[in-house]
Amino acid sequence: MKFGTSSLEVSRVGLGCMRLSSDRREAVKTIRAALDAGINFFDHADIYGRGQREKVFSAIWDEVPGLRSRIVVQSKCGIRFAGDPYEGAPQRYDFSYEHILAAVEGSLSRLKTDHLDVLLLHRPDALVEPEEVARAFDRLHEQGKVLHFGVSNHTAAQIRLLQKWVDQPLVANQLQLSVVHTHLIDEGIIMNRSDYPAPRRNEGTLEFCRLHNITIQAWSPLAAGAITGRPLEEPDPRLERAADVVAEMAAEHGVSGGAIMVAWLLRHPAGVQPLIGTTNPARIAGACKGADLTLSREEWYRLFEAGRGRKLP
């Protein structure tokens, strides 16, 4: 698929690297499984494992010579842990010029690469000064350290604010989206209704991204296994119903439940890119088969209704 307005050609499914093993051999096994399944897109963040996931990922360069030029590496920055850089500092978000530059340098060092193909701003910083973000992006782009830029967990209004100052196109917005986390889609369904427990306030983010050719990346597209086999901590009728429908549809198509959940996202015309987070080679291969499956409109809505837990208005 084409990635936003960039020239990048990326796999319809990407691998989120948050759960990569800290063991080099296990991490390489997961990455190889993703490559074998046709994945060429790998998503990181500087906070995953406090930098350890980026570090262990770099082991793949020695295992597969020449791979760097054949894959797309993305990372995210902006979240800072409590206690950083001094005891008593709170957890916070930081889009300052200095932090963006320092975060990218750290990611490049850990990943053992001279550039990131894509950098995303991780979660909206309430104290964002778009002029500083623009200055940081300009510096990183001029130095060749970041080729493309985007955001994560941002609303349409927050993207508009950045776009006023940032010269580079924002090519992606990474958002939570799955069969059982349908808020982005629900907003357009329940508009102007009062018979729902709470409004879905995404400010038309899904439509905004479509209008501006911003690729929506779905994080947690498999709902952390909650409806494909992972035991629930507490009974949840909605998740149980969704799990039943996913299992029935998987049996009908002869694929895994993960493939059905991926196919559901890919069926949406927004051109969603699911970033699966499983590290199990069989589950990676199974989920990626969803890219070869086109659900009917009726199948898509059947899953939509089951996942949202209530009938359509």
C-alpha atoms as a PDB file:
ATOM      1  CA  MET A   1       0.000   0.000   0.000  1.00  0.00           C
ATOM      2  CA  LYS A   2       1.041   3.615  -0.483  1.00  0.00           C
ATOM      3  CA  PHE A   3       1.964   5.209   2.825  1.00  0.00           C
ATOM      4  CA  GLY A   4       0.215   8.550   3.231  1.00  0.00           C
ATOM      5  CA  THR A   5       1.467  11.087   0.719  1.00  0.00           C
ATOM      6  CA  SER A   6       4.998   9.665   0.843  1.00  0.00           C
ATOM      7  CA  SER A   7       6.720   7.587  -1.821  1.00  0.00           C
ATOM      8  CA  LEU A   8       6.965   4.615   0.551  1.00  0.00           C
ATOM      9  CA  GLU A   9       5.401   1.301  -0.452  1.00  0.00           C
ATOM     10  CA  VAL A  10       4.589  -0.625   2.730  1.00  0.00           C
ATOM     11  CA  SER A  11       3.004  -3.941   3.600  1.00  0.00           C
ATOM     12  CA  ARG A  12      -0.711  -3.813   4.387  1.00  0.00           C
ATOM     13  CA  VAL A  13       0.123  -5.260   7.810  1.00  0.00           C
ATOM     14  CA  GLY A  14       2.990  -4.040   9.982  1.00  0.00           C
ATOM     15  CA  LEU A  15       4.645  -5.429  13.095  1.00  0.00           C
ATOM     16  CA  GLY A  16       4.460  -3.449  16.321  1.00  0.00           C
ATOM     17  CA  CYS A  17       7.648  -4.150  18.273  1.00  0.00           C
ATOM     18  CA  MET A  18       6.509  -3.252  21.794  1.00  0.00           C
ATOM     19  CA  ARG A  19       6.426  -6.907  22.894  1.00  0.00           C
ATOM     20  CA  LEU A  20       9.627  -8.113  21.243  1.00  0.00           C
ATOM     21  CA  SER A  21      11.548 -10.432  23.536  1.00  0.00           C
ATOM     22  CA  SER A  22      14.609  -9.016  25.262  1.00  0.00           C
ATOM     23  CA  ASP A  23      16.337 -12.233  24.227  1.00  0.00           C
ATOM     24  CA  ARG A  24      18.186 -11.679  20.952  1.00  0.00           C
ATOM     25  CA  ARG A  25      17.396 -15.116  19.477  1.00  0.00           C
ATOM     26  CA  GLU A  26      13.702 -14.862  20.261  1.00  0.00           C
ATOM     27  CA  ALA A  27      13.512 -11.325  18.884  1.00  0.00           C
ATOM     28  CA  VAL A  28      15.187 -12.366  15.649  1.00  0.00           C
ATOM     29  CA  LYS A  29      12.809 -15.327  15.379  1.00  0.00           C
ATOM     30  CA  THR A  30       9.833 -12.955  15.585  1.00  0.00           C
ATOM     31  CA  ILE A  31      11.286 -10.526  13.045  1.00  0.00           C
ATOM     32  CA  ARG A  32      12.074 -13.346  10.616  1.00  0.00           C
ATOM     33  CA  ALA A  33       8.518 -14.655  10.973  1.00  0.00           C
ATOM     34  CA  ALA A  34       7.209 -11.194  10.088  1.00  0.00           C
ATOM     35  CA  LEU A  35       9.478 -10.980   7.044  1.00  0.00           C
ATOM     36  CA  ASP A  36       8.396 -14.451   5.926  1.00  0.00           C
ATOM     37  CA  ALA A  37       4.750 -13.349   6.213  1.00  0.00           C
ATOM     38  CA  GLY A  38       5.398 -10.429   3.845  1.00  0.00           C
ATOM     39  CA  ILE A  39       5.780  -7.658   6.429  1.00  0.00           C
ATOM     40  CA  ASN A  40       8.244  -4.901   5.579  1.00  0.00           C
ATOM     41  CA  PHE A  41       7.076  -2.310   8.143  1.00  0.00           C
ATOM     42  CA  PHE A  42       8.305  -2.292  11.759  1.00  0.00           C
ATOM     43  CA  ASP A  43       6.960   0.099  14.375  1.00  0.00           C
ATOM     44  CA  HIS A  44       8.929   1.137  17.479  1.00  0.00           C
ATOM     45  CA  ALA A  45       8.829   3.780  20.202  1.00  0.00           C
ATOM     46  CA  ASP A  46      11.679   5.028  22.340  1.00  0.00           C
ATOM     47  CA  ILE A  47       9.770   3.982  25.480  1.00  0.00           C
ATOM     48  CA  TYR A  48       9.182   0.340  24.510  1.00  0.00           C
ATOM     49  CA  GLY A  49      11.123  -1.616  27.115  1.00  0.00           C
ATOM     50  CA  ARG A  50      12.744   1.723  27.972  1.00  0.00           C
ATOM     51  CA  GLY A  51      14.705   1.496  24.727  1.00  0.00           C
ATOM     52  CA  GLN A  52      15.486  -2.212  24.911  1.00  0.00           C
ATOM     53  CA  ARG A  53      13.114  -3.176  22.091  1.00  0.00           C
ATOM     54  CA  GLU A  54      14.925  -0.898  19.649  1.00  0.00           C
ATOM     55  CA  LYS A  55      18.251  -2.236  20.842  1.00  0.00           C
ATOM     56  CA  VAL A  56      17.350  -5.910  20.441  1.00  0.00           C
ATOM     57  CA  PHE A  57      15.774  -5.229  17.030  1.00  0.00           C
ATOM     58  CA  SER A  58      19.180  -4.125  15.716  1.00  0.00           C
ATOM     59  CA  ALA A  59      20.347  -7.743  15.956  1.00  0.00           C
ATOM     60  CA  ILE A  60      18.520  -8.437  12.700  1.00  0.00           C
ATOM     61  CA  TRP A  61      21.085  -6.458  10.688  1.00  0.00           C
ATOM     62  CA  ASP A  62      23.739  -9.120  11.312  1.00  0.00           C
ATOM     63  CA  GLU A  63      21.278 -11.933  10.681  1.00  0.00           C
ATOM     64  CA  VAL A  64      19.960 -10.650   7.339  1.00  0.00           C
ATOM     65  CA  PRO A  65      22.627  -8.652   5.461  1.00  0.00           C
ATOM     66  CA  GLY A  66      21.255  -5.873   3.260  1.00  0.00           C
ATOM     67  CA  LEU A  67      17.890  -5.883   5.000  1.00  0.00           C
ATOM     68  CA  ARG A  68      17.898  -2.234   6.079  1.00  0.00           C
ATOM     69  CA  SER A  69      17.263  -0.913   2.582  1.00  0.00           C
ATOM     70  CA  ARG A  70      14.359  -3.328   2.091  1.00  0.00           C
ATOM     71  CA  ILE A  71      12.286  -2.487   5.167  1.00  0.00           C
ATOM     72  CA  VAL A  72      10.618   0.565   6.684  1.00  0.00           C
ATOM     73  CA  VAL A  73      11.537   1.436  10.271  1.00  0.00           C
ATOM     74  CA  GLN A  74       9.303   3.763  12.265  1.00  0.00           C
ATOM     75  CA  SER A  75       9.700   5.017  15.811  1.00  0.00           C
ATOM     76  CA  LYS A  76       7.834   7.362  18.112  1.00  0.00           C
ATOM     77  CA  CYS A  77       8.863   9.927  20.708  1.00  0.00           C
ATOM     78  CA  GLY A  78       7.299  12.340  23.187  1.00  0.00           C
ATOM     79  CA  ILE A  79       6.403  10.244  26.246  1.00  0.00           C
ATOM     80  CA  ARG A  80       8.671  10.723  29.265  1.00  0.00           C
ATOM     81  CA  PHE A  81       8.578   8.487  32.319  1.00  0.00           C
ATOM     82  CA  ALA A  82       8.278   9.626  35.912  1.00  0.00           C
ATOM     83  CA  GLY A  83      11.712  10.136  37.437  1.00  0.00           C
ATOM     84  CA  ASP A  84      13.275  11.277  34.134  1.00  0.00           C
ATOM     85  CA  PRO A  85      15.630  13.130  34.267  1.00  0.00           C
ATOM     86  CA  TYR A  86      15.485  13.599  38.047  1.00  0.00           C
ATOM     87  CA  GLU A  87      13.755  11.991  40.999  1.00  0.00           C
ATOM     88  CA  GLY A  88      10.309  13.465  41.511  1.00  0.00           C
ATOM     89  CA  ALA A  89       9.748  14.440  37.873  1.00  0.00           C
ATOM     90  CA  PRO A  90       6.210  13.427  36.800  1.00  0.00           C
ATOM     91  CA  GLN A  91       5.245  11.332  33.826  1.00  0.00           C
ATOM     92  CA  ARG A  92       4.594  13.757  31.007  1.00  0.00           C
ATOM     93  CA  TYR A  93       4.593  14.412  27.262  1.00  0.00           C
ATOM     94  CA  ASP A  94       7.355  16.466  25.716  1.00  0.00           C
ATOM     95  CA  PHE A  95       7.368  17.865  22.179  1.00  0.00           C
ATOM     96  CA  SER A  96      10.092  20.395  22.883  1.00  0.00           C
ATOM     97  CA  TYR A  97      12.761  20.958  20.245  1.00  0.00           C
ATOM     98  CA  GLU A  98      15.477  19.599  22.524  1.00  0.00           C
ATOM     99  CA  HIS A  99      13.610  16.449  23.496  1.00  0.00           C
ATOM    100  CA  ILE A 100      12.584  15.509  19.947  1.00  0.00           C
ATOM    101  CA  LEU A 101      16.191  15.797  18.761  1.00  0.00           C
ATOM    102  CA  ALA A 102      17.565  13.874  21.750  1.00  0.00           C
ATOM    103  CA  ALA A 103      14.925  11.147  21.394  1.00  0.00           C
ATOM    104  CA  VAL A 104      15.734  10.589  17.724  1.00  0.00           C
ATOM    105  CA  GLU A 105      19.464  10.404  18.438  1.00  0.00           C
ATOM    106  CA  GLY A 106      18.736   7.779  21.075  1.00  0.00           C
ATOM    107  CA  SER A 107      16.578   5.713  18.728  1.00  0.00           C
ATOM    108  CA  LEU A 108      19.155   5.863  15.928  1.00  0.00           C
ATOM    109  CA  SER A 109      21.875   4.711  18.301  1.00  0.00           C
ATOM    110  CA  ARG A 110      19.853   1.806  19.683  1.00  0.00           C
ATOM    111  CA  LEU A 111      18.564   0.721  16.269  1.00  0.00           C
ATOM    112  CA  LYS A 112      22.063   1.018  14.770  1.00  0.00           C
ATOM    113  CA  THR A 113      20.832   2.893  11.726  1.00  0.00           C
ATOM    114  CA  ASP A 114      21.600   6.325  10.314  1.00  0.00           C
ATOM    115  CA  HIS A 115      17.976   7.271   9.698  1.00  0.00           C
ATOM    116  CA  LEU A 116      14.367   6.596  10.600  1.00  0.00           C
ATOM    117  CA  ASP A 117      12.035   6.178   7.671  1.00  0.00           C
ATOM    118  CA  VAL A 118       9.189   7.584   9.785  1.00  0.00           C
ATOM    119  CA  LEU A 119       9.008   9.466  13.099  1.00  0.00           C
ATOM    120  CA  LEU A 120       5.693   9.856  14.941  1.00  0.00           C
ATOM    121  CA  LEU A 121       4.853  12.142  17.848  1.00  0.00           C
ATOM    122  CA  HIS A 122       3.548   9.604  20.354  1.00  0.00           C
ATOM    123  CA  ARG A 123       0.771  11.243  22.422  1.00  0.00           C
ATOM    124  CA  PRO A 124      -0.429  14.859  22.266  1.00  0.00           C
ATOM    125  CA  ASP A 125       1.600  17.228  24.425  1.00  0.00           C
ATOM    126  CA  ALA A 126      -0.747  19.695  26.169  1.00  0.00           C
ATOM    127  CA  LEU A 127       2.112  22.222  26.145  1.00  0.00           C
ATOM    128  CA  VAL A 128       2.967  21.729  22.473  1.00  0.00           C
ATOM    129  CA  GLU A 129       4.456  24.723  20.696  1.00  0.00           C
ATOM    130  CA  PRO A 130       4.079  23.862  17.002  1.00  0.00           C
ATOM    131  CA  GLU A 131       6.895  26.233  16.053  1.00  0.00           C
ATOM    132  CA  GLU A 132       9.325  24.089  18.098  1.00  0.00           C
ATOM    133  CA  VAL A 133       8.056  20.891  16.506  1.00  0.00           C
ATOM    134  CA  ALA A 134       8.508  22.458  13.072  1.00  0.00           C
ATOM    135  CA  ARG A 135      12.061  23.522  13.920  1.00  0.00           C
ATOM    136  CA  ALA A 136      12.917  20.017  15.131  1.00  0.00           C
ATOM    137  CA  PHE A 137      11.396  18.384  12.054  1.00  0.00           C
ATOM    138  CA  ASP A 138      13.284  20.757   9.752  1.00  0.00           C
ATOM    139  CA  ARG A 139      16.588  19.973  11.474  1.00  0.00           C
ATOM    140  CA  LEU A 140      16.058  16.203  11.385  1.00  0.00           C
ATOM    141  CA  HIS A 141      14.915  16.271   7.761  1.00  0.00           C
ATOM    142  CA  GLU A 142      17.809  18.452   6.610  1.00  0.00           C
ATOM    143  CA  GLN A 143      20.267  16.118   8.339  1.00  0.00           C
ATOM    144  CA  GLY A 144      18.694  13.086   6.692  1.00  0.00           C
ATOM    145  CA  LYS A 145      17.990  11.497  10.061  1.00  0.00           C
ATOM    146  CA  VAL A 146      14.208  11.306   9.521  1.00  0.00           C
ATOM    147  CA  LEU A 147      12.639  10.952   6.088  1.00  0.00           C
ATOM    148  CA  HIS A 148       8.929  11.232   6.930  1.00  0.00           C
ATOM    149  CA  PHE A 149       6.855  12.462   9.864  1.00  0.00           C
ATOM    150  CA  GLY A 150       3.507  11.754  11.452  1.00  0.00           C
ATOM    151  CA  VAL A 151       1.590  11.575  14.718  1.00  0.00           C
ATOM    152  CA  SER A 152      -0.037   9.064  17.023  1.00  0.00           C
ATOM    153  CA  ASN A 153      -3.240   9.347  19.082  1.00  0.00           C
ATOM    154  CA  HIS A 154      -3.971  12.807  17.655  1.00  0.00           C
ATOM    155  CA  THR A 155      -7.368  14.308  16.829  1.00  0.00           C
ATOM    156  CA  ALA A 156      -8.132  16.165  13.622  1.00  0.00           C
ATOM    157  CA  ALA A 157      -7.855  19.526  15.415  1.00  0.00           C
ATOM    158  CA  GLN A 158      -4.465  18.648  16.893  1.00  0.00           C
ATOM    159  CA  ILE A 159      -3.173  17.662  13.461  1.00  0.00           C
ATOM    160  CA  ARG A 160      -4.483  20.902  11.964  1.00  0.00           C
ATOM    161  CA  LEU A 161      -2.602  22.868  14.602  1.00  0.00           C
ATOM    162  CA  LEU A 162       0.669  21.154  13.731  1.00  0.00           C
ATOM    163  CA  GLN A 163       0.061  21.465  10.004  1.00  0.00           C
ATOM    164  CA  LYS A 164      -0.101  25.248  10.271  1.00  0.00           C
ATOM    165  CA  TRP A 165       3.616  25.337  11.141  1.00  0.00           C
ATOM    166  CA  VAL A 166       5.140  22.050   9.992  1.00  0.00           C
ATOM    167  CA  ASP A 167       6.326  22.064   6.362  1.00  0.00           C
ATOM    168  CA  GLN A 168       6.676  18.291   5.988  1.00  0.00           C
ATOM    169  CA  PRO A 169       3.499  16.297   5.221  1.00  0.00           C
ATOM    170  CA  LEU A 170       2.150  14.369   8.198  1.00  0.00           C
ATOM    171  CA  VAL A 171       1.822  10.954   6.590  1.00  0.00           C
ATOM    172  CA  ALA A 172       0.338   8.804   9.375  1.00  0.00           C
ATOM    173  CA  ASN A 173      -1.784   8.887  12.511  1.00  0.00           C
ATOM    174  CA  GLN A 174      -1.491   5.817  14.744  1.00  0.00           C
ATOM    175  CA  LEU A 175      -4.723   5.201  16.650  1.00  0.00           C
ATOM    176  CA  GLN A 176      -6.315   2.409  18.658  1.00  0.00           C
ATOM    177  CA  LEU A 177      -8.772   0.628  16.398  1.00  0.00           C
ATOM    178  CA  SER A 178     -10.160  -2.900  16.306  1.00  0.00           C
ATOM    179  CA  VAL A 179     -13.387  -4.887  16.082  1.00  0.00           C
ATOM    180  CA  VAL A 180     -13.936  -4.182  19.791  1.00  0.00           C
ATOM    181  CA  HIS A 181     -12.532  -0.628  19.869  1.00  0.00           C
ATOM    182  CA  THR A 182     -14.643   1.158  17.280  1.00  0.00           C
ATOM    183  CA  HIS A 183     -14.759   4.707  18.641  1.00  0.00           C
ATOM    184  CA  LEU A 184     -13.369   6.315  15.465  1.00  0.00           C
ATOM    185  CA  ILE A 185     -16.100   4.715  13.383  1.00  0.00           C
ATOM    186  CA  ASP A 186     -18.882   5.023  15.964  1.00  0.00           C
ATOM    187  CA  GLU A 187     -18.585   8.792  15.966  1.00  0.00           C
ATOM    188  CA  GLY A 188     -20.016   8.932  12.463  1.00  0.00           C
ATOM    189  CA  ILE A 189     -22.787   6.474  13.338  1.00  0.00           C
ATOM    190  CA  ILE A 190     -24.192   7.944  16.555  1.00  0.00           C
ATOM    191  CA  MET A 191     -23.955  11.620  15.629  1.00  0.00           C
ATOM    192  CA  ASN A 192     -26.802  13.667  17.116  1.00  0.00           C
ATOM    193  CA  ARG A 193     -28.192  10.864  19.283  1.00  0.00           C
ATOM    194  CA  SER A 194     -28.797  11.005  23.034  1.00  0.00           C
ATOM    195  CA  ASP A 195     -29.494   7.324  23.673  1.00  0.00           C
ATOM    196  CA  TYR A 196     -25.833   6.331  23.999  1.00  0.00           C
ATOM    197  CA  PRO A 197     -23.888   6.259  27.288  1.00  0.00           C
ATOM    198  CA  ALA A 198     -21.202   8.715  26.194  1.00  0.00           C
ATOM    199  CA  PRO A 199     -20.330  10.717  23.082  1.00  0.00           C
ATOM    200  CA  ARG A 200     -17.464   9.581  20.847  1.00  0.00           C
ATOM    201  CA  ARG A 201     -15.416  12.757  20.619  1.00  0.00           C
ATOM    202  CA  ASN A 202     -12.893  12.247  17.870  1.00  0.00           C
ATOM    203  CA  GLU A 203     -13.781  15.426  15.983  1.00  0.00           C
ATOM    204  CA  GLY A 204     -14.100  13.686  12.634  1.00  0.00           C
ATOM    205  CA  THR A 205     -10.553  12.319  12.858  1.00  0.00           C
ATOM    206  CA  LEU A 206     -11.240   9.334  10.614  1.00  0.00           C
ATOM    207  CA  GLU A 207     -12.727  11.525   7.877  1.00  0.00           C
ATOM    208  CA  PHE A 208     -10.007  14.150   8.278  1.00  0.00           C
ATOM    209  CA  CYS A 209      -7.279  11.568   7.728  1.00  0.00           C
ATOM    210  CA  ARG A 210      -9.064  10.245   4.646  1.00  0.00           C
ATOM    211  CA  LEU A 211      -9.446  13.743   3.207  1.00  0.00           C
ATOM    212  CA  HIS A 212      -5.753  14.507   3.687  1.00  0.00           C
ATOM    213  CA  ASN A 213      -4.344  11.110   2.664  1.00  0.00           C
ATOM    214  CA  ILE A 214      -3.000  10.443   6.147  1.00  0.00           C
ATOM    215  CA  THR A 215      -2.580   6.707   6.693  1.00  0.00           C
ATOM    216  CA  ILE A 216      -4.395   5.463   9.784  1.00  0.00           C
ATOM    217  CA  GLN A 217      -2.299   2.878  11.585  1.00  0.00           C
ATOM    218  CA  ALA A 218      -4.322   0.688  13.931  1.00  0.00           C
ATOM    219  CA  TRP A 219      -2.600  -0.160  17.191  1.00  0.00           C
ATOM    220  CA  SER A 220      -3.886  -3.143  19.174  1.00  0.00           C
ATOM    221  CA  PRO A 221      -5.771  -4.385  16.075  1.00  0.00           C
ATOM    222  CA  LEU A 222      -6.073  -7.856  17.630  1.00  0.00           C
ATOM    223  CA  ALA A 223      -7.290  -6.435  20.965  1.00  0.00           C
ATOM    224  CA  ALA A 224      -4.332  -8.068  22.744  1.00  0.00           C
ATOM    225  CA  GLY A 225      -5.866 -11.477  22.070  1.00  0.00           C
ATOM    226  CA  ALA A 226      -8.954 -10.743  24.164  1.00  0.00           C
ATOM    227  CA  ILE A 227     -11.323 -12.239  21.581  1.00  0.00           C
ATOM    228  CA  THR A 228      -9.016 -14.773  19.944  1.00  0.00           C
ATOM    229  CA  GLY A 229      -8.116 -16.951  22.902  1.00  0.00           C
ATOM    230  CA  ARG A 230      -6.656 -14.975  25.796  1.00  0.00           C
ATOM    231  CA  PRO A 231      -8.687 -15.670  28.968  1.00  0.00           C
ATOM    232  CA  LEU A 232     -10.635 -12.666  30.218  1.00  0.00           C
ATOM    233  CA  GLU A 233      -9.945 -11.460  33.753  1.00  0.00           C
ATOM    234  CA  GLU A 234     -13.669 -10.897  34.264  1.00  0.00           C
ATOM    235  CA  PRO A 235     -16.715 -12.028  32.281  1.00  0.00           C
ATOM    236  CA  ASP A 236     -17.602  -9.529  29.545  1.00  0.00           C
ATOM    237  CA  PRO A 237     -20.699 -10.381  27.463  1.00  0.00           C
ATOM    238  CA  ARG A 238     -19.709  -7.960  24.698  1.00  0.00           C
ATOM    239  CA  LEU A 239     -16.232  -9.449  24.235  1.00  0.00           C
ATOM    240  CA  GLU A 240     -17.603 -12.966  24.514  1.00  0.00           C
ATOM    241  CA  ARG A 241     -20.169 -12.262  21.796  1.00  0.00           C
ATOM    242  CA  ALA A 242     -17.524 -10.707  19.561  1.00  0.00           C
ATOM    243  CA  ALA A 243     -15.264 -13.715  20.144  1.00  0.00           C
ATOM    244  CA  ASP A 244     -18.058 -16.062  19.088  1.00  0.00           C
ATOM    245  CA  VAL A 245     -18.709 -14.151  15.868  1.00  0.00           C
ATOM    246  CA  VAL A 246     -14.995 -13.930  15.026  1.00  0.00           C
ATOM    247  CA  ALA A 247     -14.593 -17.676  15.643  1.00  0.00           C
ATOM    248  CA  GLU A 248     -17.644 -18.521  13.500  1.00  0.00           C
ATOM    249  CA  MET A 249     -16.389 -16.356  10.645  1.00  0.00           C
ATOM    250  CA  ALA A 250     -12.861 -17.757  10.938  1.00  0.00           C
ATOM    251  CA  ALA A 251     -14.265 -21.283  10.599  1.00  0.00           C
ATOM    252  CA  GLU A 252     -16.328 -20.245   7.588  1.00  0.00           C
ATOM    253  CA  HIS A 253     -13.252 -18.859   5.797  1.00  0.00           C
ATOM    254  CA  GLY A 254     -10.746 -21.416   7.049  1.00  0.00           C
ATOM    255  CA  VAL A 255      -8.467 -18.824   8.654  1.00  0.00           C
ATOM    256  CA  SER A 256      -7.486 -17.738  12.166  1.00  0.00           C
ATOM    257  CA  GLY A 257      -9.443 -15.296  14.282  1.00  0.00           C
ATOM    258  CA  GLY A 258      -6.552 -12.862  13.902  1.00  0.00           C
ATOM    259  CA  ALA A 259      -6.958 -12.965  10.123  1.00  0.00           C
ATOM    260  CA  ILE A 260     -10.636 -12.068  10.465  1.00  0.00           C
ATOM    261  CA  MET A 261      -9.812  -9.083  12.697  1.00  0.00           C
ATOM    262  CA  VAL A 262      -7.157  -7.887  10.253  1.00  0.00           C
ATOM    263  CA  ALA A 263      -9.506  -8.377   7.296  1.00  0.00           C
ATOM    264  CA  TRP A 264     -12.164  -6.326   9.102  1.00  0.00           C
ATOM    265  CA  LEU A 265      -9.794  -3.369   9.356  1.00  0.00           C
ATOM    266  CA  LEU A 266      -8.540  -3.725   5.791  1.00  0.00           C
ATOM    267  CA  ARG A 267     -12.117  -3.776   4.466  1.00  0.00           C
ATOM    268  CA  HIS A 268     -12.599  -0.174   5.593  1.00  0.00           C
ATOM    269  CA  PRO A 269     -12.017   2.206   2.665  1.00  0.00           C
ATOM    270  CA  ALA A 270      -9.776   4.486   4.736  1.00  0.00           C
ATOM    271  CA  GLY A 271      -6.800   2.246   3.890  1.00  0.00           C
ATOM    272  CA  VAL A 272      -6.009   1.254   7.483  1.00  0.00           C
ATOM    273  CA  GLN A 273      -2.652  -0.392   8.235  1.00  0.00           C
ATOM    274  CA  PRO A 274      -2.969  -2.796  11.206  1.00  0.00           C
ATOM    275  CA  LEU A 275       0.154  -3.048  13.374  1.00  0.00           C
ATOM    276  CA  ILE A 276      -0.045  -6.473  14.968  1.00  0.00           C
ATOM    277  CA  GLY A 277       1.834  -6.932  18.232  1.00  0.00           C
ATOM    278  CA  THR A 278       1.999 -10.693  18.630  1.00  0.00           C
ATOM    279  CA  THR A 279       5.464 -12.259  18.768  1.00  0.00           C
ATOM    280  CA  ASN A 280       4.241 -15.805  18.040  1.00  0.00           C
ATOM    281  CA  PRO A 281       5.388 -16.819  14.518  1.00  0.00           C
ATOM    282  CA  ALA A 282       2.268 -18.900  13.842  1.00  0.00           C
ATOM    283  CA  ARG A 283      -0.027 -16.060  14.907  1.00  0.00           C
ATOM    284  CA  ILE A 284       1.906 -13.579  12.805  1.00  0.00           C
ATOM    285  CA  ALA A 285       1.527 -15.789   9.733  1.00  0.00           C
ATOM    286  CA  GLY A 286      -2.131 -16.417  10.542  1.00  0.00           C
ATOM    287  CA  ALA A 287      -3.020 -12.766  11.043  1.00  0.00           C
ATOM    288  CA  CYS A 288      -1.290 -11.721   7.826  1.00  0.00           C
ATOM    289  CA  LYS A 289      -3.582 -14.019   5.847  1.00  0.00           C
ATOM    290  CA  GLY A 290      -6.252 -11.448   6.556  1.00  0.00           C
ATOM    291  CA  ALA A 291      -4.652  -9.325   3.835  1.00  0.00           C
ATOM    292  CA  ASP A 292      -5.775 -11.927   1.282  1.00  0.00           C
ATOM    293  CA  LEU A 293      -9.357 -11.989   2.529  1.00  0.00           C
ATOM    294  CA  THR A 294     -12.051  -9.505   1.482  1.00  0.00           C
ATOM    295  CA  LEU A 295     -15.062  -9.460   3.781  1.00  0.00           C
ATOM    296  CA  SER A 296     -18.484  -8.709   2.372  1.00  0.00           C
ATOM    297  CA  ARG A 297     -20.371  -5.635   3.544  1.00  0.00           C
ATOM    298  CA  GLU A 298     -22.692  -7.944   5.465  1.00  0.00           C
ATOM    299  CA  GLU A 299     -19.782  -9.711   7.213  1.00  0.00           C
ATOM    300  CA  TRP A 300     -18.174  -6.396   8.082  1.00  0.00           C
ATOM    301  CA  TYR A 301     -21.348  -5.039   9.680  1.00  0.00           C
ATOM    302  CA  ARG A 302     -21.980  -8.292  11.513  1.00  0.00           C
ATOM    303  CA  LEU A 303     -18.585  -7.937  13.179  1.00  0.00           C
ATOM    304  CA  PHE A 304     -19.089  -4.221  13.745  1.00  0.00           C
ATOM    305  CA  GLU A 305     -22.336  -4.768  15.612  1.00  0.00           C
ATOM    306  CA  ALA A 306     -20.912  -7.623  17.686  1.00  0.00           C
ATOM    307  CA  GLY A 307     -17.802  -5.656  18.620  1.00  0.00           C
ATOM    308  CA  ARG A 308     -19.606  -2.458  19.582  1.00  0.00           C
ATOM    309  CA  GLY A 309     -22.027  -4.490  21.720  1.00  0.00           C
ATOM    310  CA  ARG A 310     -25.263  -2.934  20.612  1.00  0.00           C
ATOM    311  CA  LYS A 311     -27.462  -2.684  17.554  1.00  0.00           C
ATOM    312  CA  LEU A 312     -26.997   0.059  15.041  1.00  0.00           C
ATOM    313  CA  PRO A 313     -29.372   3.043  15.437  1.00  0.00           C
END
